[in-house]
């Protein structure tokens, strides 16, 4: 029966479930029903992973929306990406741009946005009507880079609590480390890999989300307390 289980379950979670049971067996007999015990541990680990999905959804959508809004403020227009797009369409190198609508632009920012736009063009997804659509077309590495490339303008509107932390105010380097940790954890979860150090991941998620004036614990509590209709499973098994 275990052979069939291996053909339809995540090895990323099944292997640690087996290790956990092996450690338990070293101190006390497991008794009968080894498969059921293994699957019970597996399902607990699956539940531990699954409860992270809403947290990453909140994190990703909040920071994408935040960056999109800040870009409009920094460059004083809703169409801040259009000059970069125009250079690409005209087969010119957008890195030659020194400003967007009269606002000096970091060269590495141009490269980041160029990468998003070229990827969209290559997949025929380049008809953007809003800055949010541009940010949404990029990955979370792009989002993190855009924050760092406009650090002074971004950190100035973060919740001011970070300035009075015992360890000092949030720096660009610290933000990069935190954002990268969450980005990697998010990628692990979305690709069905076990997320290590979950307690630390949640602590960092909580701190980053608080920079945007959001209470992650409160939002999560509201989400998990909602009464929903049962999913329509067939019940054939």
Protein backbone atom coordinates (compact mmCIF):
# COMPACT_ATOMS: atom_id res chain seq x y z
CA UNK A 1 0.00 0.00 0.00
CA UNK A 2 2.90 2.35 0.67
CA UNK A 3 3.97 1.98 -2.98
CA UNK A 4 0.60 3.39 -4.07
CA UNK A 5 0.92 6.24 -1.54
CA UNK A 6 4.34 7.17 -2.92
CA UNK A 7 2.79 7.47 -6.37
CA UNK A 8 0.24 10.08 -5.29
CA UNK A 9 1.57 12.05 -2.32
CA UNK A 10 4.20 14.71 -1.81
CA UNK A 11 7.56 13.18 -0.99
CA UNK A 12 8.53 16.55 0.46
CA UNK A 13 6.03 15.98 3.27
CA UNK A 14 5.87 12.19 3.38
CA UNK A 15 9.59 11.79 4.09
CA UNK A 16 9.59 14.04 7.19
CA UNK A 17 6.42 12.26 8.35
CA UNK A 18 8.28 8.96 8.16
CA UNK A 19 11.27 10.44 9.99
CA UNK A 20 8.97 11.70 12.73
CA UNK A 21 7.43 8.26 13.16
CA UNK A 22 10.87 6.64 13.14
CA UNK A 23 11.97 8.93 15.97
CA UNK A 24 8.82 8.03 17.89
CA UNK A 25 9.42 4.32 17.28
CA UNK A 26 12.87 4.66 18.84
CA UNK A 27 11.26 5.39 22.23
CA UNK A 28 7.96 3.49 22.09
CA UNK A 29 6.33 0.83 19.88
CA UNK A 30 4.11 2.19 17.14
CA UNK A 31 1.74 -0.74 17.13
CA UNK A 32 -0.44 -1.66 14.20
CA UNK A 33 -1.85 0.58 11.53
CA UNK A 34 1.51 2.02 10.52
CA UNK A 35 0.13 3.36 7.24
CA UNK A 36 -2.72 5.15 8.98
CA UNK A 37 -0.31 6.66 11.50
CA UNK A 38 1.98 7.79 8.71
CA UNK A 39 -0.85 9.40 6.77
CA UNK A 40 -2.12 11.11 9.93
CA UNK A 41 1.29 12.77 10.40
CA UNK A 42 1.44 13.54 6.68
CA UNK A 43 -1.95 15.24 6.78
CA UNK A 44 -0.94 17.27 9.83
CA UNK A 45 2.14 18.48 7.98
CA UNK A 46 -0.02 19.27 4.96
CA UNK A 47 -2.31 21.32 7.21
CA UNK A 48 0.72 23.16 8.63
CA UNK A 49 1.76 24.05 5.10
CA UNK A 50 -1.75 24.95 3.94
CA UNK A 51 -2.33 27.51 6.68
CA UNK A 52 0.53 29.58 5.24
CA UNK A 53 -1.26 30.17 1.91
CA UNK A 54 -3.43 33.06 3.17
CA UNK A 55 -0.38 34.73 4.72
CA UNK A 56 1.56 34.67 1.46
CA UNK A 57 -1.50 35.84 -0.45
CA UNK A 58 -1.82 38.84 1.89
CA UNK A 59 1.92 39.56 1.66
CA UNK A 60 2.14 39.34 -2.12
CA UNK A 61 -0.98 41.32 -2.97
CA UNK A 62 -0.23 44.01 -0.38
CA UNK A 63 3.33 44.65 -1.57
CA UNK A 64 2.36 44.56 -5.25
CA UNK A 65 -0.38 47.13 -4.63
CA UNK A 66 1.93 49.23 -2.45
CA UNK A 67 4.69 49.36 -5.08
CA UNK A 68 2.21 50.16 -7.87
CA UNK A 69 0.78 53.06 -5.87
CA UNK A 70 4.21 54.40 -4.87
CA UNK A 71 5.49 54.32 -8.43
CA UNK A 72 2.59 56.53 -9.49
CA UNK A 73 3.41 58.95 -6.67
CA UNK A 74 7.17 58.99 -7.28
CA UNK A 75 6.89 59.60 -11.04
CA UNK A 76 3.76 61.77 -10.74
CA UNK A 77 1.76 59.87 -13.35
CA UNK A 78 -0.30 56.72 -13.73
CA UNK A 79 1.64 55.82 -16.89
CA UNK A 80 5.12 55.82 -15.36
CA UNK A 81 6.25 52.73 -17.33
CA UNK A 82 5.18 53.99 -20.77
CA UNK A 83 8.50 55.68 -21.77
CA UNK A 84 10.36 52.44 -21.06
CA UNK A 85 7.79 50.49 -23.06
CA UNK A 86 8.06 52.96 -25.94
CA UNK A 87 11.83 52.46 -26.15
CA UNK A 88 11.40 48.69 -26.24
CA UNK A 89 8.74 48.85 -28.97
CA UNK A 90 11.02 51.17 -31.00
CA UNK A 91 13.90 48.69 -30.66
CA UNK A 92 15.96 51.16 -28.65
CA UNK A 93 17.79 50.51 -25.42
CA UNK A 94 15.70 52.00 -22.58
CA UNK A 95 18.76 52.23 -20.35
CA UNK A 96 19.48 55.52 -22.10
CA UNK A 97 16.52 57.05 -20.26
CA UNK A 98 17.67 59.33 -17.45
CA UNK A 99 14.22 60.45 -16.33
CA UNK A 100 10.56 59.55 -16.51
CA UNK A 101 8.27 62.52 -16.97
CA UNK A 102 10.94 64.84 -15.60
CA UNK A 103 11.77 62.69 -12.56
CA UNK A 104 15.28 61.26 -12.40
CA UNK A 105 15.12 57.48 -12.68
CA UNK A 106 17.63 54.94 -11.30
CA UNK A 107 19.23 52.98 -14.11
CA UNK A 108 18.71 49.67 -12.33
CA UNK A 109 15.00 50.48 -12.03
CA UNK A 110 14.83 50.85 -15.81
CA UNK A 111 16.43 47.43 -16.16
CA UNK A 112 13.95 45.88 -13.73
CA UNK A 113 10.91 47.31 -15.51
CA UNK A 114 12.42 46.48 -18.90
CA UNK A 115 12.73 42.86 -17.81
CA UNK A 116 9.07 42.76 -16.77
CA UNK A 117 7.92 44.35 -20.03
CA UNK A 118 10.10 42.23 -22.31
CA UNK A 119 8.89 39.07 -20.60
CA UNK A 120 5.30 40.22 -21.06
CA UNK A 121 5.91 41.02 -24.73
CA UNK A 122 7.48 37.61 -25.31
CA UNK A 123 4.36 35.94 -23.93
CA UNK A 124 1.99 38.35 -25.69
CA UNK A 125 0.81 39.94 -22.42
CA UNK A 126 1.98 43.50 -23.07
CA UNK A 127 -1.29 45.46 -23.25
CA UNK A 128 -1.02 47.09 -19.83
CA UNK A 129 -3.49 49.81 -18.91
CA UNK A 130 -2.43 50.33 -15.28
CA UNK A 131 0.77 50.33 -13.30
CA UNK A 132 -0.65 47.61 -11.09
CA UNK A 133 -0.92 45.35 -14.13
CA UNK A 134 2.78 45.95 -14.82
CA UNK A 135 3.74 45.09 -11.25
CA UNK A 136 1.43 42.07 -11.29
CA UNK A 137 3.15 40.81 -14.46
CA UNK A 138 6.50 40.71 -12.67
CA UNK A 139 7.60 38.28 -10.01
CA UNK A 140 8.22 39.02 -6.34
CA UNK A 141 11.94 39.48 -7.00
CA UNK A 142 11.00 42.40 -9.26
CA UNK A 143 8.78 43.83 -6.51
CA UNK A 144 11.59 43.63 -3.97
CA UNK A 145 14.06 45.24 -6.36
CA UNK A 146 11.74 48.15 -7.11
CA UNK A 147 11.38 48.83 -3.40
CA UNK A 148 15.15 48.81 -2.90
CA UNK A 149 15.73 50.96 -6.01
CA UNK A 150 13.42 53.61 -4.53
CA UNK A 151 14.32 52.98 -0.91
CA UNK A 152 14.16 56.57 0.35
CA UNK A 153 10.74 57.09 -1.22
CA UNK A 154 9.47 53.73 0.02
CA UNK A 155 10.77 53.74 3.59
CA UNK A 156 9.45 57.27 4.13
CA UNK A 157 5.85 55.98 4.05
CA UNK A 158 6.39 52.76 5.99
CA UNK A 159 4.72 52.58 9.38
CA UNK A 160 6.99 54.64 11.66
CA UNK A 161 7.08 51.92 14.35
CA UNK A 162 10.14 50.41 12.69
CA UNK A 163 12.15 53.54 13.54
CA UNK A 164 11.90 52.90 17.27
CA UNK A 165 12.79 49.20 17.27
CA UNK A 166 15.47 48.10 19.79
CA UNK A 167 17.63 46.98 16.84
CA UNK A 168 17.17 50.30 15.05
CA UNK A 169 15.19 51.36 12.02
CA UNK A 170 14.68 49.07 9.06
CA UNK A 171 17.53 49.36 6.57
CA UNK A 172 17.55 48.48 2.90
CA UNK A 173 19.90 45.57 3.60
CA UNK A 174 17.69 44.18 6.34
CA UNK A 175 14.59 44.60 4.19
CA UNK A 176 16.30 42.71 1.36
CA UNK A 177 17.17 39.82 3.70
CA UNK A 178 13.63 39.66 5.09
CA UNK A 179 11.96 39.99 1.70
CA UNK A 180 14.20 37.30 0.21
CA UNK A 181 13.44 34.92 3.07
CA UNK A 182 9.70 35.32 2.51
CA UNK A 183 10.02 35.17 -1.25
CA UNK A 184 11.88 31.85 -1.06
CA UNK A 185 9.41 30.47 1.47
CA UNK A 186 6.53 31.56 -0.77
CA UNK A 187 8.13 29.83 -3.76
CA UNK A 188 8.66 26.65 -1.74
CA UNK A 189 5.00 26.59 -0.72
CA UNK A 190 3.66 27.39 -4.20
CA UNK A 191 5.80 24.61 -5.67
CA UNK A 192 4.63 22.11 -3.04
CA UNK A 193 7.91 21.97 -1.16
CA UNK A 194 8.11 21.93 2.63
CA UNK A 195 8.64 25.38 4.12
CA UNK A 196 11.41 25.23 6.74
CA UNK A 197 11.57 27.43 9.86
CA UNK A 198 7.89 28.29 9.70
CA UNK A 199 7.91 30.17 13.01
CA UNK A 200 10.65 32.48 11.76
CA UNK A 201 8.89 32.90 8.42
CA UNK A 202 5.68 34.03 10.15
CA UNK A 203 7.63 36.43 12.40
CA UNK A 204 9.24 38.09 9.38
CA UNK A 205 5.96 38.12 7.45
CA UNK A 206 4.31 39.84 10.40
CA UNK A 207 7.03 42.49 10.58
CA UNK A 208 7.04 43.22 6.84
CA UNK A 209 3.26 43.45 6.63
CA UNK A 210 3.21 45.82 9.62
CA UNK A 211 5.34 48.25 7.57
CA UNK A 212 2.25 48.72 5.38
CA UNK A 213 0.00 49.48 8.37
CA UNK A 214 -1.61 46.04 8.26
CA UNK A 215 -2.15 43.73 11.23
CA UNK A 216 -1.43 40.26 9.86
CA UNK A 217 -2.72 38.47 12.94
CA UNK A 218 -6.01 40.34 12.83
CA UNK A 219 -6.51 39.73 9.11
CA UNK A 220 -5.64 36.04 9.47
CA UNK A 221 -8.01 35.71 12.42
CA UNK A 222 -10.84 37.23 10.41
CA UNK A 223 -10.14 34.93 7.47
CA UNK A 224 -10.07 31.78 9.55
CA UNK A 225 -13.22 32.69 11.47
CA UNK A 226 -15.38 33.07 8.36
CA UNK A 227 -18.10 30.44 7.99
CA UNK A 228 -18.07 29.08 4.44
CA UNK A 229 -20.25 26.63 2.56
CA UNK A 230 -18.74 23.16 2.35
CA UNK A 231 -16.91 22.35 -0.86
CA UNK A 232 -19.00 20.14 -3.20
CA UNK A 233 -17.09 16.85 -3.08
CA UNK A 234 -18.74 13.87 -4.76
CA UNK A 235 -18.14 11.43 -1.88
CA UNK A 236 -17.66 8.55 -4.30
CA UNK A 237 -14.78 6.92 -2.39
